[in-house]
Amino acid sequence: MTLDESLVRALEKDYNTAPISRQERVMLDYVVKLTKDATKVEPQDHDRMRDAGFDDRAILQITLIASWFNYINRVADALGVGRG
């Protein structure tokens, strides 16, 4: 969470060019890969997360949160939530 509107805009535009830490970028790379095709997540992705400072518990939490958001958004999309 942030109140920094310029950071929010930069993240919305492209997190790869946003002024975030290496650890945040590694996490977002992982979440994007998980979101696009979870079957392509490999042990090397977890190693990269560990190298960035995330322990196994954090990796599990990040995976669960991203997966839950992916799931609930698909449910909402399928049911037309927000389409008026």
C-alpha atoms as a PDB file:
ATOM      1  CA  MET A   1       0.000   0.000   0.000  1.00  0.00           C
ATOM      2  CA  THR A   2       1.227   3.434  -0.836  1.00  0.00           C
ATOM      3  CA  LEU A   3      -0.047   6.971  -0.997  1.00  0.00           C
ATOM      4  CA  ASP A   4       2.610   7.822  -3.592  1.00  0.00           C
ATOM      5  CA  GLU A   5       0.504   8.509  -6.683  1.00  0.00           C
ATOM      6  CA  SER A   6       3.539   8.742  -8.976  1.00  0.00           C
ATOM      7  CA  LEU A   7       4.658   5.268  -7.872  1.00  0.00           C
ATOM      8  CA  VAL A   8       1.176   3.897  -8.488  1.00  0.00           C
ATOM      9  CA  ARG A   9       1.160   5.389 -11.998  1.00  0.00           C
ATOM     10  CA  ALA A  10       4.638   4.002 -12.722  1.00  0.00           C
ATOM     11  CA  LEU A  11       3.582   0.524 -11.550  1.00  0.00           C
ATOM     12  CA  GLU A  12       0.417   0.649 -13.635  1.00  0.00           C
ATOM     13  CA  LYS A  13       2.404   1.720 -16.699  1.00  0.00           C
ATOM     14  CA  ASP A  14       5.175  -0.899 -16.380  1.00  0.00           C
ATOM     15  CA  TYR A  15       6.569  -2.305 -13.152  1.00  0.00           C
ATOM     16  CA  ASN A  16       9.827  -3.072 -14.983  1.00  0.00           C
ATOM     17  CA  THR A  17      10.602   0.629 -15.211  1.00  0.00           C
ATOM     18  CA  ALA A  18       9.010   1.670 -11.903  1.00  0.00           C
ATOM     19  CA  PRO A  19      11.281   2.852  -9.079  1.00  0.00           C
ATOM     20  CA  ILE A  20      11.032  -0.288  -6.926  1.00  0.00           C
ATOM     21  CA  SER A  21      13.594  -2.468  -5.214  1.00  0.00           C
ATOM     22  CA  ARG A  22      15.214  -5.524  -6.765  1.00  0.00           C
ATOM     23  CA  GLN A  23      13.307  -7.687  -4.277  1.00  0.00           C
ATOM     24  CA  GLU A  24       9.967  -6.158  -5.318  1.00  0.00           C
ATOM     25  CA  ARG A  25      10.815  -6.615  -8.996  1.00  0.00           C
ATOM     26  CA  VAL A  26      11.755 -10.287  -8.475  1.00  0.00           C
ATOM     27  CA  MET A  27       8.467 -10.823  -6.632  1.00  0.00           C
ATOM     28  CA  LEU A  28       6.462  -9.176  -9.400  1.00  0.00           C
ATOM     29  CA  ASP A  29       8.296 -11.203 -12.070  1.00  0.00           C
ATOM     30  CA  TYR A  30       7.300 -14.344 -10.165  1.00  0.00           C
ATOM     31  CA  VAL A  31       3.669 -13.242  -9.747  1.00  0.00           C
ATOM     32  CA  VAL A  32       3.363 -12.334 -13.432  1.00  0.00           C
ATOM     33  CA  LYS A  33       4.751 -15.735 -14.462  1.00  0.00           C
ATOM     34  CA  LEU A  34       2.394 -17.481 -12.025  1.00  0.00           C
ATOM     35  CA  THR A  35      -0.555 -15.494 -13.373  1.00  0.00           C
ATOM     36  CA  LYS A  36       0.205 -16.083 -17.045  1.00  0.00           C
ATOM     37  CA  ASP A  37       0.899 -19.831 -16.768  1.00  0.00           C
ATOM     38  CA  ALA A  38       1.548 -21.436 -13.392  1.00  0.00           C
ATOM     39  CA  THR A  39       2.741 -24.620 -15.104  1.00  0.00           C
ATOM     40  CA  LYS A  40       5.840 -22.711 -16.241  1.00  0.00           C
ATOM     41  CA  VAL A  41       6.961 -21.873 -12.700  1.00  0.00           C
ATOM     42  CA  GLU A  42      10.125 -23.878 -12.049  1.00  0.00           C
ATOM     43  CA  PRO A  43      12.431 -24.509  -9.079  1.00  0.00           C
ATOM     44  CA  GLN A  44      14.750 -21.845 -10.516  1.00  0.00           C
ATOM     45  CA  ASP A  45      11.984 -19.277  -9.981  1.00  0.00           C
ATOM     46  CA  HIS A  46      11.840 -20.200  -6.301  1.00  0.00           C
ATOM     47  CA  ASP A  47      15.641 -20.043  -6.120  1.00  0.00           C
ATOM     48  CA  ARG A  48      15.520 -16.533  -7.582  1.00  0.00           C
ATOM     49  CA  MET A  49      12.964 -15.545  -4.944  1.00  0.00           C
ATOM     50  CA  ARG A  50      15.215 -16.966  -2.218  1.00  0.00           C
ATOM     51  CA  ASP A  51      18.218 -15.111  -3.657  1.00  0.00           C
ATOM     52  CA  ALA A  52      16.170 -11.900  -3.421  1.00  0.00           C
ATOM     53  CA  GLY A  53      15.593 -12.514   0.286  1.00  0.00           C
ATOM     54  CA  PHE A  54      12.296 -14.398   0.444  1.00  0.00           C
ATOM     55  CA  ASP A  55      12.160 -17.504   2.613  1.00  0.00           C
ATOM     56  CA  ASP A  56       9.958 -20.507   1.838  1.00  0.00           C
ATOM     57  CA  ARG A  57       7.116 -19.197   3.991  1.00  0.00           C
ATOM     58  CA  ALA A  58       7.124 -15.871   2.125  1.00  0.00           C
ATOM     59  CA  ILE A  59       7.195 -17.667  -1.234  1.00  0.00           C
ATOM     60  CA  LEU A  60       4.192 -19.736  -0.144  1.00  0.00           C
ATOM     61  CA  GLN A  61       2.319 -16.634   1.023  1.00  0.00           C
ATOM     62  CA  ILE A  62       3.062 -14.734  -2.192  1.00  0.00           C
ATOM     63  CA  THR A  63       1.949 -17.747  -4.244  1.00  0.00           C
ATOM     64  CA  LEU A  64      -1.267 -18.155  -2.249  1.00  0.00           C
ATOM     65  CA  ILE A  65      -2.190 -14.467  -2.393  1.00  0.00           C
ATOM     66  CA  ALA A  66      -1.501 -14.145  -6.123  1.00  0.00           C
ATOM     67  CA  SER A  67      -3.384 -17.381  -6.834  1.00  0.00           C
ATOM     68  CA  TRP A  68      -6.355 -16.263  -4.752  1.00  0.00           C
ATOM     69  CA  PHE A  69      -6.565 -12.937  -6.598  1.00  0.00           C
ATOM     70  CA  ASN A  70      -6.312 -14.760  -9.937  1.00  0.00           C
ATOM     71  CA  TYR A  71      -9.082 -17.140  -8.865  1.00  0.00           C
ATOM     72  CA  ILE A  72     -11.467 -14.530  -7.477  1.00  0.00           C
ATOM     73  CA  ASN A  73     -10.999 -12.269 -10.506  1.00  0.00           C
ATOM     74  CA  ARG A  74     -11.850 -15.143 -12.846  1.00  0.00           C
ATOM     75  CA  VAL A  75     -14.961 -15.933 -10.805  1.00  0.00           C
ATOM     76  CA  ALA A  76     -16.024 -12.279 -10.888  1.00  0.00           C
ATOM     77  CA  ASP A  77     -15.356 -12.075 -14.641  1.00  0.00           C
ATOM     78  CA  ALA A  78     -17.340 -15.255 -15.313  1.00  0.00           C
ATOM     79  CA  LEU A  79     -20.309 -13.950 -13.316  1.00  0.00           C
ATOM     80  CA  GLY A  80     -20.165 -10.505 -14.887  1.00  0.00           C
ATOM     81  CA  VAL A  81     -19.460  -8.737 -11.621  1.00  0.00           C
ATOM     82  CA  GLY A  82     -18.952  -5.029 -12.288  1.00  0.00           C
ATOM     83  CA  ARG A  83     -20.380  -5.113 -15.790  1.00  0.00           C
ATOM     84  CA  GLY A  84     -23.485  -3.193 -14.704  1.00  0.00           C
END
